[in-house]
Protein backbone atom coordinates (compact mmCIF):
# COMPACT_ATOMS: atom_id res chain seq x y z
CA MET A 1 -0.14 0.30 -0.10
CA THR A 2 1.03 4.05 -0.23
CA ARG A 3 2.30 5.34 2.68
CA ARG A 4 2.10 9.60 2.85
CA LYS A 5 5.40 10.58 2.51
CA VAL A 6 8.08 11.80 5.66
CA THR A 7 10.88 13.80 6.42
CA PHE A 8 13.82 13.18 8.67
CA ALA A 9 13.12 15.45 10.40
CA ASN A 10 10.33 13.65 11.26
CA ILE A 11 12.80 10.70 12.70
CA VAL A 12 13.75 11.81 16.40
CA TYR A 13 16.64 10.89 18.88
CA ARG A 14 18.80 12.24 20.54
CA SER A 15 21.60 9.24 20.56
CA GLN A 16 25.01 9.22 18.74
CA LYS A 17 23.57 5.65 17.66
CA MET A 18 20.86 7.39 15.62
CA ASP A 19 22.80 10.24 13.90
CA ARG A 20 25.53 7.81 12.81
CA ILE A 21 22.90 6.39 11.10
CA VAL A 22 20.19 9.55 9.82
CA ARG A 23 23.42 10.71 8.14
CA THR A 24 24.13 7.84 6.26
CA ALA A 25 20.98 8.19 4.99
CA GLN A 26 20.54 10.89 4.34
CA GLN A 27 24.11 10.28 2.93
CA VAL A 28 22.92 7.74 -0.23
CA ALA A 29 18.94 9.21 0.06
CA PRO A 30 19.69 11.62 -3.55
CA THR A 31 21.14 7.87 -5.05
CA ASP A 32 19.76 5.07 -5.98
CA ALA A 33 21.63 3.02 -3.94
CA ARG A 34 19.33 -0.14 -3.16
CA VAL A 35 19.18 -0.28 1.49
CA LEU A 36 18.66 -3.30 3.39
CA LEU A 37 17.63 -1.95 7.02
CA ILE A 38 18.45 -4.54 9.59
CA GLY A 39 16.36 -3.96 13.26
CA GLU A 40 13.97 -4.92 16.04
CA THR A 41 9.79 -4.32 15.39
CA GLY A 42 8.90 -1.38 16.29
CA THR A 43 12.62 0.32 15.96
CA GLY A 44 11.50 2.64 12.96
CA LYS A 45 12.14 1.15 9.77
CA GLU A 46 10.00 1.94 7.24
CA LEU A 47 9.97 6.07 8.62
CA LEU A 48 13.89 5.28 8.04
CA ALA A 49 12.79 4.22 4.06
CA ASN A 50 10.29 6.63 3.50
CA ALA A 51 13.17 9.43 4.91
CA ILE A 52 15.10 8.56 2.61
CA HIS A 53 12.54 8.29 -0.17
CA SER A 54 11.37 11.49 0.56
CA SER A 55 15.05 12.97 0.20
CA SER A 56 15.43 11.41 -3.18
CA GLU A 57 14.95 11.81 -7.15
CA ARG A 58 12.37 9.77 -6.81
CA SER A 59 10.18 11.25 -4.41
CA GLU A 60 7.42 12.28 -6.97
CA GLY A 61 6.90 8.70 -6.92
CA LYS A 62 5.00 6.60 -5.26
CA PHE A 63 6.63 5.08 -1.98
CA VAL A 64 4.47 1.38 -1.20
CA VAL A 65 5.33 -1.19 1.29
CA VAL A 66 4.77 -4.85 1.11
CA ASN A 67 4.87 -6.83 4.14
CA CYS A 68 6.88 -10.13 2.71
CA SER A 69 5.69 -12.49 5.73
CA ALA A 70 2.12 -11.94 5.26
CA LEU A 71 1.16 -13.16 2.19
CA PRO A 72 2.25 -16.81 1.30
CA GLY A 73 4.37 -17.92 -2.10
CA ASP A 74 1.93 -18.08 -4.38
CA LEU A 75 0.48 -14.71 -3.51
CA LEU A 76 3.27 -12.50 -2.52
CA GLU A 77 4.08 -13.59 -6.15
CA MET A 78 0.80 -12.50 -7.40
CA GLU A 79 1.08 -8.98 -5.45
CA LEU A 80 4.67 -8.35 -6.78
CA PHE A 81 4.65 -9.05 -10.31
CA GLY A 82 0.42 -8.89 -10.95
CA HIS A 83 -0.92 -11.05 -13.88
CA GLU A 84 -2.64 -11.19 -16.95
CA LYS A 85 -6.33 -11.98 -17.71
CA GLY A 86 -6.72 -15.73 -17.49
CA ALA A 87 -3.55 -16.98 -15.41
CA PHE A 88 -5.34 -18.62 -13.06
CA THR A 89 -9.14 -19.11 -12.26
CA GLY A 90 -11.14 -16.54 -11.48
CA ALA A 91 -8.22 -14.13 -12.98
CA VAL A 92 -10.86 -11.98 -15.25
CA TYR A 93 -8.80 -9.11 -15.49
CA SER A 94 -5.46 -8.00 -15.95
CA ARG A 95 -4.14 -6.43 -12.86
CA ARG A 96 -0.27 -4.78 -11.98
CA GLY A 97 2.29 -5.54 -9.06
CA LYS A 98 3.13 -3.73 -6.80
CA LEU A 99 6.34 -3.13 -8.24
CA GLU A 100 4.79 -2.26 -11.14
CA GLN A 101 2.72 0.50 -9.40
CA ALA A 102 6.08 1.68 -7.38
CA ALA A 103 7.72 3.04 -10.92
CA GLY A 104 8.94 5.72 -10.45
CA GLY A 105 8.89 5.43 -7.37
CA THR A 106 10.65 3.28 -4.55
CA ILE A 107 9.18 0.13 -2.95
CA LEU A 108 9.81 -1.36 0.33
CA LEU A 109 10.10 -4.89 0.82
CA ASP A 110 9.47 -5.37 4.63
CA GLU A 111 10.31 -8.27 6.08
CA ILE A 112 11.79 -9.69 3.22
CA GLY A 113 13.49 -12.28 5.06
CA GLU A 114 9.80 -15.01 4.86
CA MET A 115 9.55 -14.42 1.22
CA ALA A 116 10.05 -18.16 -0.25
CA LEU A 117 13.16 -19.16 -2.79
CA PRO A 118 11.17 -19.20 -5.53
CA VAL A 119 9.90 -15.13 -4.93
CA GLN A 120 13.10 -14.52 -4.48
CA ALA A 121 14.86 -15.81 -7.66
CA LYS A 122 12.00 -13.68 -9.75
CA LEU A 123 13.01 -10.97 -7.42
CA LEU A 124 16.36 -11.35 -8.79
CA ARG A 125 15.54 -10.81 -12.36
CA VAL A 126 14.23 -7.49 -10.59
CA LEU A 127 17.75 -6.75 -9.54
CA GLU A 128 19.78 -8.84 -12.44
CA GLU A 129 17.98 -6.88 -15.24
CA GLY A 130 15.71 -4.57 -14.58
CA VAL A 131 12.40 -6.28 -15.99
CA ILE A 132 9.80 -8.14 -14.68
CA GLU A 133 6.83 -11.08 -15.92
CA ARG A 134 3.56 -11.05 -14.68
CA LEU A 135 2.37 -13.99 -13.95
CA GLY A 136 0.34 -15.94 -16.85
CA SER A 137 2.43 -13.51 -19.35
CA GLY A 138 5.74 -14.18 -21.05
CA ASP A 139 6.63 -10.15 -22.06
CA SER A 140 9.22 -9.15 -20.42
CA ILE A 141 8.36 -4.93 -18.69
CA PRO A 142 10.77 -2.41 -17.83
CA LEU A 143 10.78 -1.84 -15.15
CA ASP A 144 12.71 1.71 -13.24
CA VAL A 145 12.21 1.39 -9.36
CA ARG A 146 14.75 1.81 -6.27
CA ILE A 147 13.92 -0.95 -3.85
CA ILE A 148 14.67 -1.02 0.26
CA ALA A 149 14.69 -4.08 1.71
CA ALA A 150 13.74 -4.88 6.09
CA SER A 151 14.06 -7.76 8.12
CA THR A 152 13.94 -7.63 11.64
CA GLN A 153 16.42 -10.12 11.85
CA PRO A 154 19.69 -10.58 10.59
CA LEU A 155 19.61 -12.33 6.66
CA VAL A 156 23.18 -13.42 6.49
CA ARG A 157 21.94 -16.39 9.34
CA ARG A 158 19.53 -17.41 6.69
CA THR A 159 21.61 -17.48 4.04
CA GLN A 160 23.54 -20.09 6.49
CA ASP A 161 20.55 -22.09 6.51
CA GLY A 162 20.22 -21.66 2.34
CA GLU A 163 16.78 -20.19 3.16
CA PHE A 164 17.32 -17.11 1.53
CA LEU A 165 19.57 -16.43 -2.00
CA GLN A 166 23.51 -15.12 -1.22
CA GLU A 167 23.46 -13.53 -4.14
CA LEU A 168 20.02 -11.18 -3.35
CA TYR A 169 21.32 -10.75 -0.16
CA TYR A 170 24.42 -9.67 -1.72
CA ARG A 171 22.69 -7.35 -4.55
CA LEU A 172 20.19 -6.24 -1.80
CA LYS A 173 23.01 -4.83 1.10
CA GLU A 174 24.69 -1.65 -1.46
CA VAL A 175 23.94 0.33 2.05
CA HIS A 176 23.21 -1.91 5.60
CA LEU A 177 21.32 -0.10 8.44
CA ASN A 178 21.28 -1.40 11.83
CA LEU A 179 19.04 0.57 13.68
CA PRO A 180 19.34 -0.26 17.54
CA PRO A 181 16.63 -1.00 20.02
CA LEU A 182 15.36 1.20 22.11
CA ARG A 183 16.90 0.08 25.03
CA GLU A 184 20.35 0.11 23.87
CA ARG A 185 19.67 4.39 23.43
CA LYS A 186 17.40 5.41 25.93
CA GLU A 187 18.27 8.84 26.17
CA ASP A 188 15.57 9.34 23.18
CA ILE A 189 13.27 8.74 25.47
CA PRO A 190 12.33 11.89 26.47
CA VAL A 191 12.45 13.75 23.20
CA LEU A 192 10.54 10.97 21.44
CA ALA A 193 8.13 11.17 24.77
CA ASP A 194 7.93 15.46 23.98
CA TYR A 195 7.46 14.78 20.10
CA PHE A 196 4.00 12.43 20.88
CA PHE A 197 2.50 14.49 23.59
CA GLY A 198 2.81 17.09 20.92
CA LEU A 199 1.06 14.69 18.61
CA TYR A 200 -1.63 14.16 20.86
CA ASN A 201 -1.94 17.35 22.94
CA GLN A 202 -3.26 19.01 19.74
CA GLN A 203 -5.29 15.19 18.96
CA TYR A 204 -6.82 14.66 22.39
CA ARG A 205 -7.08 19.51 23.25
CA LYS A 206 -4.63 18.64 26.40
CA HIS A 207 -1.55 21.38 27.40
CA ILE A 208 0.67 18.40 28.83
CA LYS A 209 4.25 19.65 29.47
CA GLY A 210 6.04 16.60 30.22
CA LEU A 211 6.73 13.76 32.11
CA SER A 212 7.19 13.82 36.16
CA ASP A 213 10.89 12.66 37.19
CA ALA A 214 9.18 9.62 38.37
CA ALA A 215 7.60 8.73 35.53
CA LEU A 216 10.71 9.10 33.81
CA GLN A 217 12.77 7.48 35.78
CA PHE A 218 9.88 4.52 35.35
CA LEU A 219 10.39 4.55 31.51
CA LEU A 220 13.59 4.72 31.11
CA ARG A 221 14.13 1.74 33.70
CA HIS A 222 11.72 -0.79 31.34
CA ASP A 223 12.89 -2.64 28.50
CA TRP A 224 11.00 -1.96 25.85
CA PRO A 225 10.73 -5.35 23.78
CA GLY A 226 8.43 -3.40 21.64
CA ASN A 227 10.83 -0.67 20.77
CA VAL A 228 9.63 2.74 19.81
CA ARG A 229 5.89 1.99 18.53
CA GLU A 230 5.94 0.83 22.19
CA LEU A 231 7.01 4.00 23.78
CA HIS A 232 4.68 5.71 21.20
CA HIS A 233 1.16 3.68 22.49
CA VAL A 234 2.00 4.42 25.97
CA ILE A 235 2.59 8.00 25.79
CA LYS A 236 -1.22 7.94 24.37
CA CYS A 237 -2.87 6.25 26.45
CA ALA A 238 -0.97 8.43 29.11
CA VAL A 239 -1.56 11.34 27.63
CA LEU A 240 -5.96 9.33 27.20
CA MET A 241 -5.51 9.17 31.13
CA ASN A 242 -4.18 12.35 31.73
CA ASP A 243 -7.15 13.50 34.00
CA GLY A 244 -5.62 17.76 33.16
CA SER A 245 -2.70 17.90 34.84
CA ASP A 246 -0.35 19.57 32.81
CA LEU A 247 2.77 16.43 34.37
CA VAL A 248 1.94 12.78 33.36
CA TRP A 249 2.62 10.75 36.28
CA LEU A 250 3.10 7.58 36.78
CA GLU A 251 -0.46 6.40 37.63
CA HIS A 252 -0.89 7.65 33.95
CA ILE A 253 1.50 5.06 32.46
CA PRO A 254 0.01 1.50 31.49
CA LEU A 255 -0.94 -1.07 33.89
CA ASP A 256 0.88 -3.78 31.21
CA ILE A 257 3.46 -1.49 31.87
CA HIS A 258 4.06 -1.67 35.38
CA LEU A 259 3.25 -5.10 35.43
CA ALA A 260 6.04 -6.25 33.15
CA GLU A 261 8.41 -3.64 34.99
CA THR A 262 7.23 -5.30 38.13
CA ALA A 263 8.11 -9.24 37.03
CA ARG A 264 11.52 -7.78 35.66
CA ASN A 265 12.37 -6.06 38.66
CA THR A 266 11.36 -9.60 41.09
CA GLN A 267 13.48 -11.86 38.28
CA GLN A 268 16.30 -9.88 38.70
CA VAL A 269 15.91 -10.04 42.90
CA GLU A 270 15.52 -14.15 43.03
CA THR A 271 18.26 -14.72 40.81
CA LYS A 272 20.50 -12.40 42.76
CA ALA A 273 19.49 -14.12 46.40
CA ASN A 274 20.14 -17.47 44.57
CA GLU A 275 23.37 -16.83 43.35
CA VAL A 276 24.28 -17.77 47.83
CA LEU A 277 21.54 -20.51 48.42
CA ASP A 278 24.97 -23.20 47.11
CA ILE A 279 27.34 -22.26 50.10
CA LEU A 280 25.44 -21.08 52.70
CA THR A 281 23.72 -23.30 55.82
CA LEU A 282 19.95 -22.80 55.21
CA ASP A 283 18.42 -20.90 57.49
CA GLU A 284 21.07 -17.92 56.70
CA ALA A 285 20.66 -19.18 52.99
CA GLU A 286 16.91 -17.71 54.07
CA LYS A 287 18.12 -15.22 56.34
CA ARG A 288 19.82 -13.52 53.20
CA HIS A 289 16.79 -14.06 50.44
CA ILE A 290 14.01 -12.77 52.59
CA LEU A 291 16.77 -10.14 54.31
CA ARG A 292 16.65 -9.16 50.31
CA ILE A 293 13.39 -8.90 49.61
CA LEU A 294 12.37 -6.84 51.75
CA GLU A 295 16.01 -4.12 51.14
CA PHE A 296 14.33 -4.64 47.77
CA THR A 297 10.60 -2.82 49.09
CA ARG A 298 11.58 -1.59 51.05
CA PHE A 299 10.65 -3.56 53.81
CA ASN A 300 6.58 -3.25 52.35
CA LYS A 301 5.67 -6.62 54.14
CA SER A 302 2.57 -7.50 51.52
CA GLN A 303 5.10 -7.21 48.33
CA ALA A 304 7.78 -8.81 50.17
CA ALA A 305 5.12 -11.49 50.87
CA ASN A 306 3.88 -11.79 47.62
CA ILE A 307 7.39 -11.89 46.09
CA LEU A 308 8.28 -14.87 48.30
CA LYS A 309 5.17 -16.75 47.71
CA ILE A 310 4.39 -16.83 50.91
CA SER A 311 1.52 -15.24 54.15
CA ARG A 312 2.09 -11.80 55.71
CA PRO A 313 2.14 -13.77 59.07
CA THR A 314 4.56 -16.40 58.25
CA LEU A 315 7.21 -13.41 56.61
CA ASP A 316 6.37 -11.82 59.72
CA ARG A 317 7.52 -15.51 62.16
CA LYS A 318 10.18 -15.44 60.08
CA ILE A 319 11.42 -11.22 60.17
CA GLU A 320 11.06 -12.22 64.44
CA LYS A 321 13.47 -15.51 63.90
CA TYR A 322 15.76 -13.49 62.07
CA LYS A 323 15.36 -10.25 63.48
CA LEU A 324 15.04 -8.58 60.90
CA HIS A 325 13.33 -6.06 62.07
CA GLU A 326 16.24 -5.23 64.24
CA ILE A 327 17.97 -3.74 61.21
CA ARG A 328 17.94 0.28 60.39
CA ILE A 329 15.62 0.91 57.82
CA ARG A 330 16.63 3.85 55.58
CA ASP A 331 14.25 4.16 53.92
CA LYS A 332 9.97 4.77 55.49
CA SER A 333 8.25 5.49 52.88
CA PRO A 334 8.62 3.22 49.69
CA ARG A 335 6.53 3.40 46.96
CA GLU A 336 4.53 1.57 45.75
CA LEU A 337 3.72 2.18 41.98
């Protein structure tokens, strides 16, 4: 499908990692070099490809996106190359494929690693000869299109496994850009959040100035498995949940993010606590484990009991048994998320 045009100004970042990528993309954009974009879901591969197109001499042409993982081989072949009338049962008219529709412009082949080998072979001919053949036709149609490919996984692995044509791989990666996940460029989170606030303040008629310190620190601790797309969703929800305050507070952050962060912290604490179990007596190991959980929760007994998977009365007895109540509590005002 055709996408709206964007420019490099729509790519928001502060990190040096993204700066290097954007600078390289800006350098190659005016050329016809093929670009291979590798990055996790939600890192902005389509946005970057669109910006490359918009800054090229093909900017007046179409920018067409095809998700290669959304269709099985036969349907993807028809989607890309089109067909002639009568090519198969139900083909009552001729149809141009996405490659033809993008002629004079740019086509982004997203998740190209999922493309079936026969379709890869046909695409390789397009790159080698600059022609295509519709299904049901033996005629070659000259084609002038820039191809940008994207994948969530390094294609070199698929070439080694025989699942991706090596020659096609090398022809696609004239320029190779690896987009880092958001967890590796967390300095971009504040500027991205401000950008999304600008979008949704206008859309929802809000006047949010930014994140509270606690909310910002919480977002900086999160691992962001969904990357920028996930942050976009979180900020949108936070704006919707905001009750008129000029800042986003912790209670405005979606519950699923809180639950994910709690689960991650619990796993980290249990892992660290288990490191000493093999060299301590059973009582000493239990004492240290309970103490670490209590310190982690800042002596919030209810939360500690939940992590330890014991009842509150049982925890109280163990605290008395090991005289943990005598330990000085540095922070008597635990913050519960």
